[in-house]
N, C-alpha and C. Protein backbone atom coordinates (compact mmCIF):
# COMPACT_ATOMS: atom_id res chain seq x y z
N MET A 1 -5.06 -13.16 4.82
CA MET A 1 -4.73 -13.04 3.40
C MET A 1 -3.63 -12.01 3.26
N ARG A 2 -2.59 -12.39 2.59
CA ARG A 2 -1.48 -11.49 2.31
C ARG A 2 -1.44 -11.20 0.82
N LEU A 3 -1.13 -9.98 0.48
CA LEU A 3 -1.07 -9.56 -0.91
C LEU A 3 0.21 -10.06 -1.58
N GLY A 4 1.27 -10.21 -0.80
CA GLY A 4 2.51 -10.76 -1.32
C GLY A 4 3.37 -9.78 -2.09
N VAL A 5 3.27 -8.49 -1.76
CA VAL A 5 4.09 -7.48 -2.42
C VAL A 5 4.99 -6.80 -1.39
N ARG A 6 6.00 -6.10 -1.88
CA ARG A 6 6.89 -5.38 -0.98
C ARG A 6 6.14 -4.21 -0.33
N ARG A 7 6.64 -3.78 0.80
CA ARG A 7 6.03 -2.67 1.52
C ARG A 7 5.99 -1.41 0.66
N VAL A 8 7.06 -1.15 -0.08
CA VAL A 8 7.12 0.04 -0.92
C VAL A 8 6.02 -0.01 -1.99
N ASP A 9 5.70 -1.19 -2.50
CA ASP A 9 4.64 -1.32 -3.49
C ASP A 9 3.27 -1.10 -2.86
N PHE A 10 3.07 -1.62 -1.64
CA PHE A 10 1.82 -1.38 -0.95
C PHE A 10 1.64 0.11 -0.66
N ASP A 11 2.72 0.76 -0.23
CA ASP A 11 2.67 2.20 0.02
C ASP A 11 2.31 2.96 -1.25
N ARG A 12 2.81 2.51 -2.38
CA ARG A 12 2.48 3.17 -3.65
C ARG A 12 1.00 2.99 -3.97
N MET A 13 0.43 1.82 -3.66
CA MET A 13 -1.00 1.60 -3.88
C MET A 13 -1.83 2.56 -3.04
N VAL A 14 -1.36 2.83 -1.83
CA VAL A 14 -2.04 3.80 -0.96
C VAL A 14 -1.92 5.19 -1.58
N ASP A 15 -0.71 5.54 -2.04
CA ASP A 15 -0.49 6.85 -2.68
C ASP A 15 -1.38 7.02 -3.91
N LEU A 16 -1.59 5.94 -4.64
CA LEU A 16 -2.42 5.99 -5.85
C LEU A 16 -3.92 6.05 -5.52
N GLY A 17 -4.26 5.82 -4.26
CA GLY A 17 -5.66 5.86 -3.86
C GLY A 17 -6.40 4.56 -4.13
N TRP A 18 -5.65 3.47 -4.40
CA TRP A 18 -6.28 2.19 -4.68
C TRP A 18 -6.85 1.55 -3.42
N ILE A 19 -6.29 1.90 -2.29
CA ILE A 19 -6.74 1.36 -1.01
C ILE A 19 -6.59 2.45 0.04
N THR A 20 -7.55 2.53 0.92
CA THR A 20 -7.52 3.58 1.95
C THR A 20 -7.71 2.95 3.33
N PRO A 21 -7.13 3.57 4.33
CA PRO A 21 -7.29 3.03 5.69
C PRO A 21 -8.74 3.09 6.15
N THR A 22 -9.13 2.09 6.91
CA THR A 22 -10.48 2.07 7.49
C THR A 22 -10.47 2.60 8.92
N GLY A 23 -9.29 2.78 9.46
CA GLY A 23 -9.14 3.27 10.82
C GLY A 23 -7.66 3.37 11.14
N ALA A 24 -7.36 3.60 12.41
CA ALA A 24 -5.96 3.70 12.85
C ALA A 24 -5.89 3.40 14.34
N VAL A 25 -4.74 2.97 14.76
CA VAL A 25 -4.48 2.77 16.18
C VAL A 25 -3.18 3.50 16.52
N GLU A 26 -3.05 3.86 17.76
CA GLU A 26 -1.81 4.48 18.23
C GLU A 26 -1.09 3.47 19.11
N ILE A 27 0.18 3.26 18.79
CA ILE A 27 1.00 2.32 19.53
C ILE A 27 2.11 3.11 20.21
N ASP A 28 2.27 2.86 21.51
CA ASP A 28 3.28 3.58 22.27
C ASP A 28 4.55 2.74 22.38
N TYR A 29 5.56 3.13 21.63
CA TYR A 29 6.87 2.50 21.70
C TYR A 29 7.69 3.30 22.69
N LYS A 30 7.50 3.04 23.95
CA LYS A 30 8.10 3.85 25.01
C LYS A 30 9.61 4.00 24.88
N ARG A 31 10.26 2.91 24.53
CA ARG A 31 11.73 2.96 24.46
C ARG A 31 12.25 3.38 23.09
N GLN A 32 11.40 3.40 22.07
CA GLN A 32 11.87 3.74 20.73
C GLN A 32 11.28 5.04 20.19
N GLY A 33 10.89 5.95 21.02
CA GLY A 33 10.52 7.25 20.51
C GLY A 33 9.07 7.66 20.68
N GLY A 34 8.27 6.91 21.40
CA GLY A 34 6.93 7.37 21.70
C GLY A 34 5.83 6.78 20.84
N VAL A 35 4.76 7.56 20.72
CA VAL A 35 3.53 7.09 20.09
C VAL A 35 3.63 7.19 18.56
N THR A 36 3.19 6.12 17.90
CA THR A 36 3.15 6.06 16.44
C THR A 36 1.74 5.71 16.02
N ARG A 37 1.21 6.44 15.05
CA ARG A 37 -0.13 6.17 14.51
C ARG A 37 0.01 5.17 13.35
N VAL A 38 -0.69 4.04 13.45
CA VAL A 38 -0.60 2.97 12.46
C VAL A 38 -1.94 2.84 11.75
N PRO A 39 -1.97 3.03 10.42
CA PRO A 39 -3.23 2.88 9.69
C PRO A 39 -3.64 1.42 9.59
N LEU A 40 -4.94 1.17 9.62
CA LEU A 40 -5.49 -0.18 9.47
C LEU A 40 -6.25 -0.27 8.16
N TYR A 41 -6.12 -1.40 7.48
CA TYR A 41 -6.76 -1.61 6.19
C TYR A 41 -7.68 -2.82 6.27
N SER A 42 -8.76 -2.79 5.53
CA SER A 42 -9.71 -3.89 5.48
C SER A 42 -9.07 -5.07 4.75
N ALA A 43 -9.11 -6.25 5.36
CA ALA A 43 -8.58 -7.46 4.72
C ALA A 43 -9.32 -7.74 3.42
N GLN A 44 -10.61 -7.45 3.38
CA GLN A 44 -11.39 -7.65 2.16
C GLN A 44 -10.91 -6.72 1.05
N ASP A 45 -10.67 -5.45 1.36
CA ASP A 45 -10.17 -4.50 0.36
C ASP A 45 -8.82 -4.95 -0.20
N VAL A 46 -7.95 -5.43 0.68
CA VAL A 46 -6.63 -5.90 0.26
C VAL A 46 -6.77 -7.15 -0.62
N ALA A 47 -7.61 -8.09 -0.22
CA ALA A 47 -7.80 -9.32 -0.98
C ALA A 47 -8.40 -9.06 -2.36
N LEU A 48 -9.22 -8.03 -2.47
CA LEU A 48 -9.89 -7.73 -3.75
C LEU A 48 -9.05 -6.88 -4.71
N LEU A 49 -7.91 -6.39 -4.26
CA LEU A 49 -7.09 -5.55 -5.14
C LEU A 49 -6.78 -6.22 -6.48
N PRO A 50 -6.36 -7.49 -6.53
CA PRO A 50 -6.10 -8.12 -7.83
C PRO A 50 -7.35 -8.21 -8.72
N VAL A 51 -8.53 -8.28 -8.12
CA VAL A 51 -9.78 -8.36 -8.89
C VAL A 51 -10.16 -6.97 -9.39
N VAL A 52 -10.02 -5.97 -8.52
CA VAL A 52 -10.41 -4.61 -8.85
C VAL A 52 -9.42 -3.96 -9.82
N ARG A 53 -8.16 -4.37 -9.76
CA ARG A 53 -7.10 -3.80 -10.61
C ARG A 53 -6.50 -4.89 -11.51
N PRO A 54 -7.29 -5.42 -12.46
CA PRO A 54 -6.78 -6.50 -13.32
C PRO A 54 -5.70 -6.03 -14.29
N GLU A 55 -5.56 -4.72 -14.49
CA GLU A 55 -4.54 -4.21 -15.41
C GLU A 55 -3.13 -4.33 -14.85
N VAL A 56 -3.01 -4.60 -13.55
CA VAL A 56 -1.71 -4.74 -12.91
C VAL A 56 -1.21 -6.16 -13.12
N ASP A 57 0.05 -6.30 -13.48
CA ASP A 57 0.68 -7.62 -13.59
C ASP A 57 1.09 -8.04 -12.19
N TRP A 58 0.19 -8.69 -11.47
CA TRP A 58 0.41 -9.05 -10.08
C TRP A 58 1.56 -10.04 -9.92
N ARG A 59 1.73 -10.95 -10.88
CA ARG A 59 2.84 -11.90 -10.81
C ARG A 59 4.18 -11.15 -10.83
N GLU A 60 4.30 -10.19 -11.74
CA GLU A 60 5.52 -9.40 -11.82
C GLU A 60 5.73 -8.59 -10.53
N LEU A 61 4.66 -8.01 -10.03
CA LEU A 61 4.75 -7.18 -8.83
C LEU A 61 5.18 -8.00 -7.62
N ARG A 62 4.74 -9.25 -7.54
CA ARG A 62 5.10 -10.12 -6.41
C ARG A 62 6.53 -10.65 -6.50
N THR A 63 7.14 -10.57 -7.68
CA THR A 63 8.47 -11.15 -7.86
C THR A 63 9.54 -10.10 -8.15
N VAL A 64 9.26 -8.83 -7.92
CA VAL A 64 10.26 -7.79 -8.14
C VAL A 64 11.42 -8.02 -7.17
N ALA A 65 12.62 -8.05 -7.72
CA ALA A 65 13.81 -8.30 -6.90
C ALA A 65 14.11 -7.10 -6.01
N PRO A 66 14.69 -7.36 -4.84
CA PRO A 66 15.10 -6.25 -3.97
C PRO A 66 16.04 -5.30 -4.72
N GLY A 67 15.83 -4.03 -4.53
CA GLY A 67 16.65 -3.01 -5.18
C GLY A 67 16.17 -2.62 -6.56
N ARG A 68 15.17 -3.32 -7.09
CA ARG A 68 14.63 -3.00 -8.41
C ARG A 68 13.46 -2.03 -8.27
N ARG A 69 13.28 -1.19 -9.27
CA ARG A 69 12.19 -0.21 -9.25
C ARG A 69 10.85 -0.91 -9.43
N SER A 70 9.86 -0.45 -8.72
CA SER A 70 8.53 -1.02 -8.78
C SER A 70 7.86 -0.70 -10.11
N PRO A 71 7.12 -1.65 -10.68
CA PRO A 71 6.33 -1.36 -11.88
C PRO A 71 5.26 -0.30 -11.61
N LEU A 72 4.89 -0.11 -10.35
CA LEU A 72 3.87 0.88 -10.00
C LEU A 72 4.43 2.30 -9.97
N ALA A 73 5.75 2.43 -10.03
CA ALA A 73 6.37 3.76 -9.93
C ALA A 73 5.94 4.68 -11.07
N LEU A 74 5.58 4.11 -12.21
CA LEU A 74 5.18 4.92 -13.36
C LEU A 74 3.69 5.23 -13.40
N SER A 75 2.92 4.65 -12.49
CA SER A 75 1.48 4.87 -12.46
C SER A 75 1.17 6.29 -11.97
N PRO A 76 0.34 7.01 -12.71
CA PRO A 76 -0.01 8.37 -12.29
C PRO A 76 -0.95 8.34 -11.08
N PRO A 77 -0.83 9.32 -10.16
CA PRO A 77 -1.73 9.37 -9.01
C PRO A 77 -3.16 9.68 -9.46
N THR A 78 -4.12 9.25 -8.65
CA THR A 78 -5.51 9.54 -8.96
C THR A 78 -5.79 11.01 -8.68
N ALA A 79 -6.77 11.57 -9.36
CA ALA A 79 -7.09 13.00 -9.25
C ALA A 79 -7.52 13.37 -7.83
N GLU A 80 -8.33 12.51 -7.20
CA GLU A 80 -8.86 12.87 -5.88
C GLU A 80 -7.79 12.80 -4.80
N ARG A 81 -6.75 11.98 -4.97
CA ARG A 81 -5.70 11.89 -3.98
C ARG A 81 -4.57 12.86 -4.24
N GLY A 82 -4.30 13.09 -5.52
CA GLY A 82 -3.22 14.01 -5.86
C GLY A 82 -1.84 13.47 -5.56
N GLY A 83 -1.76 12.18 -5.22
CA GLY A 83 -0.46 11.56 -4.99
C GLY A 83 0.17 11.91 -3.65
N THR A 84 -0.60 12.44 -2.72
CA THR A 84 -0.03 12.78 -1.42
C THR A 84 -0.49 11.78 -0.39
N ARG A 85 0.34 11.58 0.63
CA ARG A 85 -0.01 10.66 1.70
C ARG A 85 -0.67 11.41 2.84
N CYS A 86 -1.61 10.78 3.48
CA CYS A 86 -2.30 11.38 4.62
C CYS A 86 -1.61 11.00 5.91
């Protein structure tokens, strides 16, 4: 199941605390700079985002043109996350 949004919009959902990683893996890119930690997300959590967040215009979010500002950019961060990335 794919959410169908740009990476920047998914990252904003993480910043907002709407979805959190369930784990992480480390991938060693030997030729491109070493080990990178990659967060893993539950497919169920991702699939349920449109149900859990009905206030979001998902059609608009999926059709934002490249170079256009995300509709999520104006959303305030949640209190428990404080808008910071882990």
